[in-house]
């Protein structure tokens, strides 16, 4: 499975079967798709966006329902990386800021007290 993102005019995340080169599905995100990264532990994907929303969205795959919309950058979110443990993503934007987001719970916390992952400043997304 391959996920690809479209630019300002396209705005779609598309999913492809890489074995038979077939397009599987797509979703219009409403803004330029800059980056995509899969969760290492869940069937979820993070997308970062530019014009016009400048946000980060966490999606449940394959339904592509929004789990969370994260805001804070004032310019296009150009960079995205995931931590080795798969729990945190870092984003960098044209506003010259880095932001760390604790978006994916560890396997231990998922099996324990339910889904609860906190963000800086007390924001939670689960």
Foldseek 3Di string as FASTA:
>chain_A
DDWDFAAAVQQKIWDADPVVGDTDDIDRPPFGWQDKDAQPPAQKMWTAGFPPQRWIFIAHPPVRDTLDIGDDDPGGFHDWDADPQRQKIWTQGPVGDIAIFRHHDHPVVCPPPHDWDAGPPGDIRD
